[in-house]
Amino acid sequence: MTTVLLSLVVAQAALLFWSALHLSNVFMHPNKGAQLLRCGATLALPLAIAWSAPKFDPHRILCGLGDGFGLVVGVACIRFWAVTKEEEKLAQEREFDARQAALAAAAARKAEEEERVRSAAAALEAQQTAAASRDSAAPLPPRHLAPSLLRSSARSPRFPSGTRK
């Protein structure tokens, strides 16, 4: 195996891999035309190497035309399947996290509402207690202990003349 053949094997493998990546990107990215163009450009050189390989590769170490195309399609399908499965898994995790966050937010709102209700009930109870204590501590109406002494026109039985001595 010569260094030229070894370098062609490495170049063909790398280009077939890049071509497979671009082919799988055709189905995963929005700009399908550009990805298909990149796939075709990177696939052209390894297929050209495979087409000219019989001249300097008697032991058929390099991939043939069918082998190269089959490898590209196979690797692209496997990558597409693996990436799709991983994206589905990540989407499920994101959905689960979003659901958990929504449940936590709902529980926080409910706890906050319950706290507001408790504080309002405590404030109302304090108002009622204050009103009840005000009512019970209200002064009694004034009583006239000595009406005759307090009134100027009234005569007291103790002081018949109305004046004190």
N, C-alpha and C. Protein backbone atom coordinates (compact mmCIF):
# COMPACT_ATOMS: atom_id res chain seq x y z
N MET A 1 0.86 -1.16 0.00
CA MET A 1 0.00 0.00 0.00
C MET A 1 0.91 1.23 0.00
N THR A 2 0.71 2.06 -0.95
CA THR A 2 1.54 3.25 -1.08
C THR A 2 0.92 4.41 -0.31
N THR A 3 1.71 5.46 -0.14
CA THR A 3 1.21 6.64 0.59
C THR A 3 0.12 7.34 -0.21
N VAL A 4 0.19 7.27 -1.53
CA VAL A 4 -0.86 7.89 -2.35
C VAL A 4 -2.18 7.15 -2.13
N LEU A 5 -2.12 5.85 -2.13
CA LEU A 5 -3.32 5.06 -1.91
C LEU A 5 -3.86 5.28 -0.49
N LEU A 6 -2.97 5.34 0.48
CA LEU A 6 -3.38 5.58 1.86
C LEU A 6 -4.03 6.97 2.00
N SER A 7 -3.46 7.97 1.38
CA SER A 7 -4.05 9.31 1.44
C SER A 7 -5.39 9.36 0.71
N LEU A 8 -5.54 8.61 -0.38
CA LEU A 8 -6.83 8.55 -1.07
C LEU A 8 -7.89 7.86 -0.23
N VAL A 9 -7.50 6.82 0.51
CA VAL A 9 -8.45 6.13 1.39
C VAL A 9 -8.95 7.08 2.47
N VAL A 10 -8.02 7.82 3.10
CA VAL A 10 -8.40 8.76 4.16
C VAL A 10 -9.27 9.88 3.59
N ALA A 11 -8.89 10.43 2.44
CA ALA A 11 -9.65 11.52 1.83
C ALA A 11 -11.04 11.03 1.42
N GLN A 12 -11.11 9.84 0.83
CA GLN A 12 -12.41 9.32 0.41
C GLN A 12 -13.32 9.07 1.62
N ALA A 13 -12.77 8.53 2.70
CA ALA A 13 -13.57 8.27 3.90
C ALA A 13 -14.08 9.57 4.50
N ALA A 14 -13.19 10.56 4.60
CA ALA A 14 -13.60 11.84 5.18
C ALA A 14 -14.66 12.52 4.31
N LEU A 15 -14.48 12.51 3.01
CA LEU A 15 -15.45 13.16 2.12
C LEU A 15 -16.78 12.41 2.10
N LEU A 16 -16.74 11.09 2.17
CA LEU A 16 -17.99 10.34 2.25
C LEU A 16 -18.74 10.65 3.55
N PHE A 17 -17.99 10.79 4.64
CA PHE A 17 -18.61 11.14 5.91
C PHE A 17 -19.25 12.52 5.86
N TRP A 18 -18.51 13.52 5.31
CA TRP A 18 -19.07 14.87 5.21
C TRP A 18 -20.27 14.90 4.27
N SER A 19 -20.22 14.12 3.25
CA SER A 19 -21.34 14.05 2.33
C SER A 19 -22.57 13.46 3.02
N ALA A 20 -22.34 12.45 3.85
CA ALA A 20 -23.45 11.85 4.61
C ALA A 20 -24.04 12.86 5.60
N LEU A 21 -23.19 13.65 6.22
CA LEU A 21 -23.69 14.68 7.14
C LEU A 21 -24.57 15.69 6.41
N HIS A 22 -24.10 16.13 5.24
CA HIS A 22 -24.89 17.11 4.48
C HIS A 22 -26.19 16.49 3.97
N LEU A 23 -26.15 15.22 3.60
CA LEU A 23 -27.37 14.55 3.14
C LEU A 23 -28.39 14.43 4.27
N SER A 24 -27.93 14.11 5.47
CA SER A 24 -28.87 14.02 6.59
C SER A 24 -29.38 15.41 6.98
N ASN A 25 -28.57 16.45 6.76
CA ASN A 25 -29.01 17.82 7.06
C ASN A 25 -30.12 18.28 6.11
N VAL A 26 -30.21 17.64 4.95
CA VAL A 26 -31.28 18.00 4.00
C VAL A 26 -32.64 17.81 4.67
N PHE A 27 -32.77 16.78 5.48
CA PHE A 27 -34.05 16.48 6.13
C PHE A 27 -34.22 17.19 7.48
N MET A 28 -33.13 17.76 8.00
CA MET A 28 -33.22 18.37 9.33
C MET A 28 -33.16 19.89 9.33
N HIS A 29 -32.66 20.50 8.28
CA HIS A 29 -32.51 21.95 8.24
C HIS A 29 -33.50 22.55 7.24
N PRO A 30 -33.87 23.81 7.44
CA PRO A 30 -34.89 24.41 6.58
C PRO A 30 -34.40 24.69 5.15
N ASN A 31 -33.13 25.01 4.96
CA ASN A 31 -32.61 25.34 3.64
C ASN A 31 -32.15 24.05 2.95
N LYS A 32 -33.10 23.33 2.38
CA LYS A 32 -32.82 22.01 1.81
C LYS A 32 -31.96 22.08 0.55
N GLY A 33 -32.16 23.11 -0.26
CA GLY A 33 -31.40 23.23 -1.51
C GLY A 33 -29.91 23.40 -1.27
N ALA A 34 -29.56 24.24 -0.32
CA ALA A 34 -28.14 24.47 -0.01
C ALA A 34 -27.51 23.20 0.55
N GLN A 35 -28.24 22.50 1.42
CA GLN A 35 -27.69 21.26 1.99
C GLN A 35 -27.51 20.19 0.91
N LEU A 36 -28.45 20.11 -0.01
CA LEU A 36 -28.34 19.14 -1.11
C LEU A 36 -27.18 19.49 -2.03
N LEU A 37 -26.97 20.76 -2.27
CA LEU A 37 -25.84 21.21 -3.09
C LEU A 37 -24.52 20.88 -2.41
N ARG A 38 -24.42 21.10 -1.11
CA ARG A 38 -23.21 20.75 -0.37
C ARG A 38 -22.98 19.25 -0.39
N CYS A 39 -24.05 18.48 -0.25
CA CYS A 39 -23.93 17.02 -0.31
C CYS A 39 -23.39 16.57 -1.67
N GLY A 40 -23.96 17.12 -2.72
CA GLY A 40 -23.50 16.76 -4.06
C GLY A 40 -22.06 17.16 -4.31
N ALA A 41 -21.67 18.34 -3.80
CA ALA A 41 -20.29 18.80 -4.00
C ALA A 41 -19.30 17.92 -3.24
N THR A 42 -19.63 17.54 -2.02
CA THR A 42 -18.72 16.69 -1.27
C THR A 42 -18.77 15.23 -1.72
N LEU A 43 -19.85 14.82 -2.34
CA LEU A 43 -19.95 13.45 -2.84
C LEU A 43 -19.27 13.28 -4.19
N ALA A 44 -19.11 14.36 -4.92
CA ALA A 44 -18.52 14.25 -6.27
C ALA A 44 -17.07 13.79 -6.22
N LEU A 45 -16.28 14.33 -5.30
CA LEU A 45 -14.86 13.96 -5.26
C LEU A 45 -14.64 12.50 -4.84
N PRO A 46 -15.28 11.98 -3.79
CA PRO A 46 -15.04 10.56 -3.48
C PRO A 46 -15.55 9.62 -4.58
N LEU A 47 -16.65 10.01 -5.26
CA LEU A 47 -17.11 9.16 -6.36
C LEU A 47 -16.15 9.24 -7.54
N ALA A 48 -15.51 10.39 -7.74
CA ALA A 48 -14.48 10.51 -8.79
C ALA A 48 -13.27 9.65 -8.43
N ILE A 49 -12.92 9.62 -7.16
CA ILE A 49 -11.81 8.76 -6.72
C ILE A 49 -12.19 7.30 -6.95
N ALA A 50 -13.42 6.94 -6.63
CA ALA A 50 -13.87 5.55 -6.82
C ALA A 50 -13.90 5.18 -8.31
N TRP A 51 -14.25 6.13 -9.15
CA TRP A 51 -14.32 5.85 -10.58
C TRP A 51 -12.93 5.65 -11.17
N SER A 52 -11.94 6.38 -10.67
CA SER A 52 -10.58 6.25 -11.20
C SER A 52 -9.75 5.26 -10.39
N ALA A 53 -10.28 4.65 -9.36
CA ALA A 53 -9.53 3.74 -8.49
C ALA A 53 -9.00 2.49 -9.18
N PRO A 54 -9.68 1.88 -10.13
CA PRO A 54 -9.14 0.64 -10.71
C PRO A 54 -7.77 0.81 -11.37
N LYS A 55 -7.40 2.03 -11.72
CA LYS A 55 -6.10 2.25 -12.37
C LYS A 55 -4.95 2.03 -11.39
N PHE A 56 -5.09 2.48 -10.14
CA PHE A 56 -3.96 2.38 -9.21
C PHE A 56 -4.32 1.61 -7.93
N ASP A 57 -5.47 0.96 -7.90
CA ASP A 57 -5.89 0.18 -6.73
C ASP A 57 -6.25 -1.23 -7.16
N PRO A 58 -5.28 -2.10 -7.37
CA PRO A 58 -5.58 -3.45 -7.84
C PRO A 58 -6.24 -4.33 -6.77
N HIS A 59 -6.04 -4.01 -5.51
CA HIS A 59 -6.61 -4.84 -4.44
C HIS A 59 -7.98 -4.34 -3.96
N ARG A 60 -8.50 -3.34 -4.59
CA ARG A 60 -9.82 -2.74 -4.31
C ARG A 60 -9.97 -2.35 -2.82
N ILE A 61 -9.04 -1.55 -2.36
CA ILE A 61 -9.10 -1.02 -0.99
C ILE A 61 -10.07 0.16 -0.92
N LEU A 62 -10.12 0.96 -1.98
CA LEU A 62 -11.01 2.12 -2.02
C LEU A 62 -12.45 1.65 -2.28
N CYS A 63 -13.39 2.48 -1.86
CA CYS A 63 -14.80 2.17 -2.10
C CYS A 63 -15.12 2.34 -3.58
N GLY A 64 -16.01 1.49 -4.08
CA GLY A 64 -16.48 1.65 -5.45
C GLY A 64 -17.60 2.68 -5.51
N LEU A 65 -18.15 2.89 -6.71
CA LEU A 65 -19.22 3.87 -6.87
C LEU A 65 -20.46 3.49 -6.05
N GLY A 66 -20.88 2.26 -6.17
CA GLY A 66 -22.07 1.80 -5.43
C GLY A 66 -21.82 1.76 -3.93
N ASP A 67 -20.62 1.30 -3.56
CA ASP A 67 -20.28 1.24 -2.14
C ASP A 67 -20.29 2.64 -1.52
N GLY A 68 -19.68 3.60 -2.20
CA GLY A 68 -19.61 4.97 -1.69
C GLY A 68 -20.99 5.59 -1.54
N PHE A 69 -21.81 5.40 -2.58
CA PHE A 69 -23.16 5.96 -2.52
C PHE A 69 -23.98 5.27 -1.42
N GLY A 70 -23.84 3.95 -1.30
CA GLY A 70 -24.55 3.20 -0.26
C GLY A 70 -24.11 3.61 1.14
N LEU A 71 -22.81 3.83 1.32
CA LEU A 71 -22.31 4.29 2.62
C LEU A 71 -22.86 5.66 2.99
N VAL A 72 -22.89 6.55 2.01
CA VAL A 72 -23.40 7.90 2.28
C VAL A 72 -24.86 7.84 2.68
N VAL A 73 -25.65 7.11 1.95
CA VAL A 73 -27.08 7.02 2.26
C VAL A 73 -27.30 6.32 3.60
N GLY A 74 -26.55 5.26 3.86
CA GLY A 74 -26.69 4.53 5.13
C GLY A 74 -26.31 5.38 6.33
N VAL A 75 -25.17 6.05 6.25
CA VAL A 75 -24.74 6.89 7.38
C VAL A 75 -25.70 8.06 7.57
N ALA A 76 -26.19 8.63 6.47
CA ALA A 76 -27.14 9.74 6.58
C ALA A 76 -28.43 9.28 7.26
N CYS A 77 -28.92 8.11 6.90
CA CYS A 77 -30.15 7.60 7.53
C CYS A 77 -29.94 7.33 9.02
N ILE A 78 -28.80 6.73 9.36
CA ILE A 78 -28.52 6.44 10.76
C ILE A 78 -28.39 7.74 11.55
N ARG A 79 -27.69 8.72 10.99
CA ARG A 79 -27.55 10.01 11.69
C ARG A 79 -28.91 10.69 11.85
N PHE A 80 -29.71 10.67 10.80
CA PHE A 80 -31.04 11.27 10.88
C PHE A 80 -31.88 10.59 11.95
N TRP A 81 -31.84 9.27 12.01
CA TRP A 81 -32.59 8.52 13.01
C TRP A 81 -32.10 8.85 14.42
N ALA A 82 -30.77 8.86 14.61
CA ALA A 82 -30.21 9.13 15.94
C ALA A 82 -30.51 10.56 16.39
N VAL A 83 -30.36 11.51 15.49
CA VAL A 83 -30.62 12.91 15.85
C VAL A 83 -32.11 13.10 16.14
N THR A 84 -32.96 12.47 15.37
CA THR A 84 -34.40 12.59 15.60
C THR A 84 -34.78 12.01 16.95
N LYS A 85 -34.22 10.86 17.29
CA LYS A 85 -34.51 10.25 18.59
C LYS A 85 -34.03 11.15 19.73
N GLU A 86 -32.84 11.72 19.57
CA GLU A 86 -32.29 12.61 20.60
C GLU A 86 -33.14 13.88 20.72
N GLU A 87 -33.58 14.41 19.60
CA GLU A 87 -34.44 15.60 19.65
C GLU A 87 -35.77 15.29 20.31
N GLU A 88 -36.32 14.09 20.03
CA GLU A 88 -37.57 13.70 20.69
C GLU A 88 -37.37 13.59 22.20
N LYS A 89 -36.24 13.01 22.59
CA LYS A 89 -35.95 12.87 24.01
C LYS A 89 -35.79 14.25 24.66
N LEU A 90 -35.07 15.15 24.01
CA LEU A 90 -34.90 16.50 24.54
C LEU A 90 -36.23 17.25 24.59
N ALA A 91 -37.07 17.05 23.57
CA ALA A 91 -38.38 17.70 23.56
C ALA A 91 -39.24 17.18 24.71
N GLN A 92 -39.19 15.89 24.98
CA GLN A 92 -39.94 15.33 26.09
C GLN A 92 -39.43 15.88 27.43
N GLU A 93 -38.10 16.00 27.55
CA GLU A 93 -37.54 16.56 28.78
C GLU A 93 -37.95 18.02 28.95
N ARG A 94 -37.92 18.79 27.87
CA ARG A 94 -38.34 20.19 27.94
C ARG A 94 -39.82 20.29 28.32
N GLU A 95 -40.64 19.41 27.73
CA GLU A 95 -42.07 19.42 28.04
C GLU A 95 -42.31 19.04 29.50
N PHE A 96 -41.57 18.04 29.98
CA PHE A 96 -41.68 17.64 31.38
C PHE A 96 -41.26 18.78 32.30
N ASP A 97 -40.13 19.43 31.97
CA ASP A 97 -39.67 20.57 32.77
C ASP A 97 -40.68 21.71 32.75
N ALA A 98 -41.27 21.97 31.59
CA ALA A 98 -42.27 23.04 31.50
C ALA A 98 -43.49 22.69 32.33
N ARG A 99 -43.91 21.43 32.29
CA ARG A 99 -45.05 21.00 33.10
C ARG A 99 -44.75 21.14 34.59
N GLN A 100 -43.54 20.74 34.99
CA GLN A 100 -43.15 20.86 36.39
C GLN A 100 -43.10 22.32 36.83
N ALA A 101 -42.59 23.17 35.96
CA ALA A 101 -42.53 24.61 36.27
C ALA A 101 -43.94 25.19 36.39
N ALA A 102 -44.83 24.77 35.51
CA ALA A 102 -46.21 25.25 35.58
C ALA A 102 -46.88 24.77 36.87
N LEU A 103 -46.65 23.53 37.25
CA LEU A 103 -47.22 23.03 38.50
C LEU A 103 -46.65 23.77 39.71
N ALA A 104 -45.35 24.04 39.68
CA ALA A 104 -44.73 24.78 40.78
C ALA A 104 -45.27 26.20 40.85
N ALA A 105 -45.46 26.83 39.71
CA ALA A 105 -46.01 28.19 39.69
C ALA A 105 -47.45 28.19 40.19
N ALA A 106 -48.23 27.18 39.80
CA ALA A 106 -49.61 27.10 40.28
C ALA A 106 -49.65 26.88 41.79
N ALA A 107 -48.75 26.03 42.29
CA ALA A 107 -48.71 25.80 43.74
C ALA A 107 -48.28 27.07 44.47
N ALA A 108 -47.34 27.81 43.90
CA ALA A 108 -46.92 29.06 44.53
C ALA A 108 -48.06 30.08 44.54
N ARG A 109 -48.79 30.17 43.42
CA ARG A 109 -49.94 31.09 43.37
C ARG A 109 -50.99 30.68 44.40
N LYS A 110 -51.24 29.38 44.50
CA LYS A 110 -52.24 28.90 45.45
C LYS A 110 -51.80 29.20 46.88
N ALA A 111 -50.52 28.98 47.19
CA ALA A 111 -50.02 29.26 48.53
C ALA A 111 -50.09 30.76 48.82
N GLU A 112 -49.78 31.57 47.84
CA GLU A 112 -49.85 33.02 48.02
C GLU A 112 -51.30 33.46 48.26
N GLU A 113 -52.21 32.89 47.52
CA GLU A 113 -53.64 33.22 47.69
C GLU A 113 -54.12 32.78 49.07
N GLU A 114 -53.71 31.59 49.50
CA GLU A 114 -54.09 31.12 50.83
C GLU A 114 -53.50 32.03 51.91
N GLU A 115 -52.29 32.49 51.71
CA GLU A 115 -51.67 33.40 52.67
C GLU A 115 -52.42 34.73 52.72
N ARG A 116 -52.83 35.22 51.56
CA ARG A 116 -53.63 36.46 51.53
C ARG A 116 -54.96 36.27 52.26
N VAL A 117 -55.60 35.12 52.04
CA VAL A 117 -56.87 34.85 52.72
C VAL A 117 -56.65 34.78 54.23
N ARG A 118 -55.58 34.10 54.66
CA ARG A 118 -55.29 34.00 56.09
C ARG A 118 -55.01 35.37 56.71
N SER A 119 -54.24 36.19 55.99
CA SER A 119 -53.92 37.51 56.54
C SER A 119 -55.17 38.39 56.56
N ALA A 120 -56.03 38.28 55.56
CA ALA A 120 -57.28 39.04 55.57
C ALA A 120 -58.19 38.58 56.70
N ALA A 121 -58.25 37.28 56.93
CA ALA A 121 -59.06 36.75 58.02
C ALA A 121 -58.51 37.22 59.37
N ALA A 122 -57.19 37.23 59.51
CA ALA A 122 -56.59 37.70 60.76
C ALA A 122 -56.85 39.18 60.96
N ALA A 123 -56.78 39.97 59.89
CA ALA A 123 -57.06 41.40 60.00
C ALA A 123 -58.53 41.64 60.37
N LEU A 124 -59.43 40.89 59.77
CA LEU A 124 -60.85 41.02 60.09
C LEU A 124 -61.12 40.62 61.53
N GLU A 125 -60.48 39.55 61.98
CA GLU A 125 -60.64 39.11 63.36
C GLU A 125 -60.10 40.16 64.32
N ALA A 126 -58.97 40.78 63.96
CA ALA A 126 -58.41 41.83 64.81
C ALA A 126 -59.34 43.04 64.87
N GLN A 127 -59.95 43.39 63.73
CA GLN A 127 -60.90 44.50 63.72
C GLN A 127 -62.11 44.18 64.59
N GLN A 128 -62.62 42.97 64.47
CA GLN A 128 -63.78 42.58 65.26
C GLN A 128 -63.44 42.56 66.75
N THR A 129 -62.25 42.10 67.09
CA THR A 129 -61.82 42.08 68.49
C THR A 129 -61.69 43.50 69.01
N ALA A 130 -61.10 44.39 68.19
CA ALA A 130 -60.95 45.79 68.61
C ALA A 130 -62.31 46.44 68.77
N ALA A 131 -63.24 46.17 67.87
CA ALA A 131 -64.58 46.74 67.98
C ALA A 131 -65.29 46.21 69.21
N ALA A 132 -65.14 44.94 69.49
CA ALA A 132 -65.78 44.34 70.66
C ALA A 132 -65.18 44.92 71.94
N SER A 133 -63.88 45.12 71.96
CA SER A 133 -63.27 45.69 73.18
C SER A 133 -63.67 47.14 73.36
N ARG A 134 -63.83 47.88 72.26
CA ARG A 134 -64.29 49.26 72.35
C ARG A 134 -65.72 49.31 72.88
N ASP A 135 -66.54 48.40 72.40
CA ASP A 135 -67.93 48.38 72.86
C ASP A 135 -68.03 48.00 74.33
N SER A 136 -67.22 47.06 74.77
CA SER A 136 -67.29 46.63 76.16
C SER A 136 -66.62 47.64 77.09
N ALA A 137 -65.66 48.41 76.60
CA ALA A 137 -64.98 49.39 77.43
C ALA A 137 -65.59 50.78 77.29
N ALA A 138 -66.72 50.90 76.65
CA ALA A 138 -67.35 52.22 76.47
C ALA A 138 -67.82 52.73 77.84
N PRO A 139 -67.67 54.02 78.06
CA PRO A 139 -68.08 54.55 79.38
C PRO A 139 -69.60 54.49 79.51
N LEU A 140 -69.99 54.31 80.72
CA LEU A 140 -71.42 54.27 81.00
C LEU A 140 -71.97 55.70 80.93
N PRO A 141 -73.24 55.84 80.64
CA PRO A 141 -73.80 57.17 80.60
C PRO A 141 -73.69 57.80 81.99
N PRO A 142 -73.49 59.11 82.03
CA PRO A 142 -73.29 59.73 83.35
C PRO A 142 -74.55 59.60 84.21
N ARG A 143 -74.33 59.29 85.47
CA ARG A 143 -75.43 59.17 86.43
C ARG A 143 -75.41 60.41 87.32
N HIS A 144 -76.58 60.84 87.68
CA HIS A 144 -76.67 62.01 88.54
C HIS A 144 -76.67 61.53 89.97
N LEU A 145 -75.57 61.74 90.61
CA LEU A 145 -75.47 61.29 91.98
C LEU A 145 -76.20 62.26 92.93
N ALA A 146 -76.02 63.49 92.65
CA ALA A 146 -76.68 64.48 93.51
C ALA A 146 -77.36 65.49 92.62
N PRO A 147 -78.55 65.18 92.14
CA PRO A 147 -79.19 66.08 91.20
C PRO A 147 -79.54 67.42 91.82
N SER A 148 -79.85 67.46 93.08
CA SER A 148 -80.24 68.73 93.67
C SER A 148 -79.05 69.65 93.82
N LEU A 149 -77.89 69.16 94.03
CA LEU A 149 -76.73 70.01 94.19
C LEU A 149 -76.24 70.53 92.83
N LEU A 150 -76.43 69.74 91.82
CA LEU A 150 -75.92 70.12 90.51
C LEU A 150 -76.84 71.10 89.80
N ARG A 151 -78.12 71.06 90.11
CA ARG A 151 -79.04 71.96 89.44
C ARG A 151 -79.18 73.24 90.25
N SER A 152 -79.17 74.30 89.56
CA SER A 152 -79.24 75.57 90.28
C SER A 152 -80.66 75.91 90.71
N SER A 153 -81.63 75.52 89.95
CA SER A 153 -83.00 75.89 90.27
C SER A 153 -83.64 74.96 91.29
N ALA A 154 -83.05 73.82 91.44
CA ALA A 154 -83.67 72.86 92.35
C ALA A 154 -83.24 73.16 93.79
N ARG A 155 -84.15 72.89 94.67
CA ARG A 155 -83.84 73.12 96.08
C ARG A 155 -83.55 71.79 96.74
N SER A 156 -82.56 71.82 97.52
CA SER A 156 -82.15 70.60 98.19
C SER A 156 -82.85 70.49 99.52
N PRO A 157 -83.25 69.32 99.90
CA PRO A 157 -83.88 69.18 101.20
C PRO A 157 -82.90 69.44 102.34
N ARG A 158 -81.62 69.30 102.05
CA ARG A 158 -80.65 69.54 103.12
C ARG A 158 -80.46 71.02 103.35
N PHE A 159 -80.56 71.79 102.29
CA PHE A 159 -80.39 73.23 102.41
C PHE A 159 -81.69 73.89 102.00
N PRO A 160 -82.57 74.19 102.93
CA PRO A 160 -83.86 74.73 102.59
C PRO A 160 -83.79 76.12 101.96
N SER A 161 -82.85 76.88 102.30
CA SER A 161 -82.82 78.23 101.76
C SER A 161 -82.18 78.28 100.38
N GLY A 162 -81.50 77.22 99.98
CA GLY A 162 -80.86 77.20 98.66
C GLY A 162 -79.45 77.71 98.70
N THR A 163 -79.00 78.18 99.84
CA THR A 163 -77.63 78.66 99.96
C THR A 163 -76.91 77.87 101.04
N ARG A 164 -75.70 77.86 100.93
CA ARG A 164 -74.91 77.10 101.89
C ARG A 164 -74.48 77.99 103.04
N LYS A 165 -74.29 77.40 104.10
CA LYS A 165 -73.83 78.16 105.26
C LYS A 165 -72.50 77.73 105.70
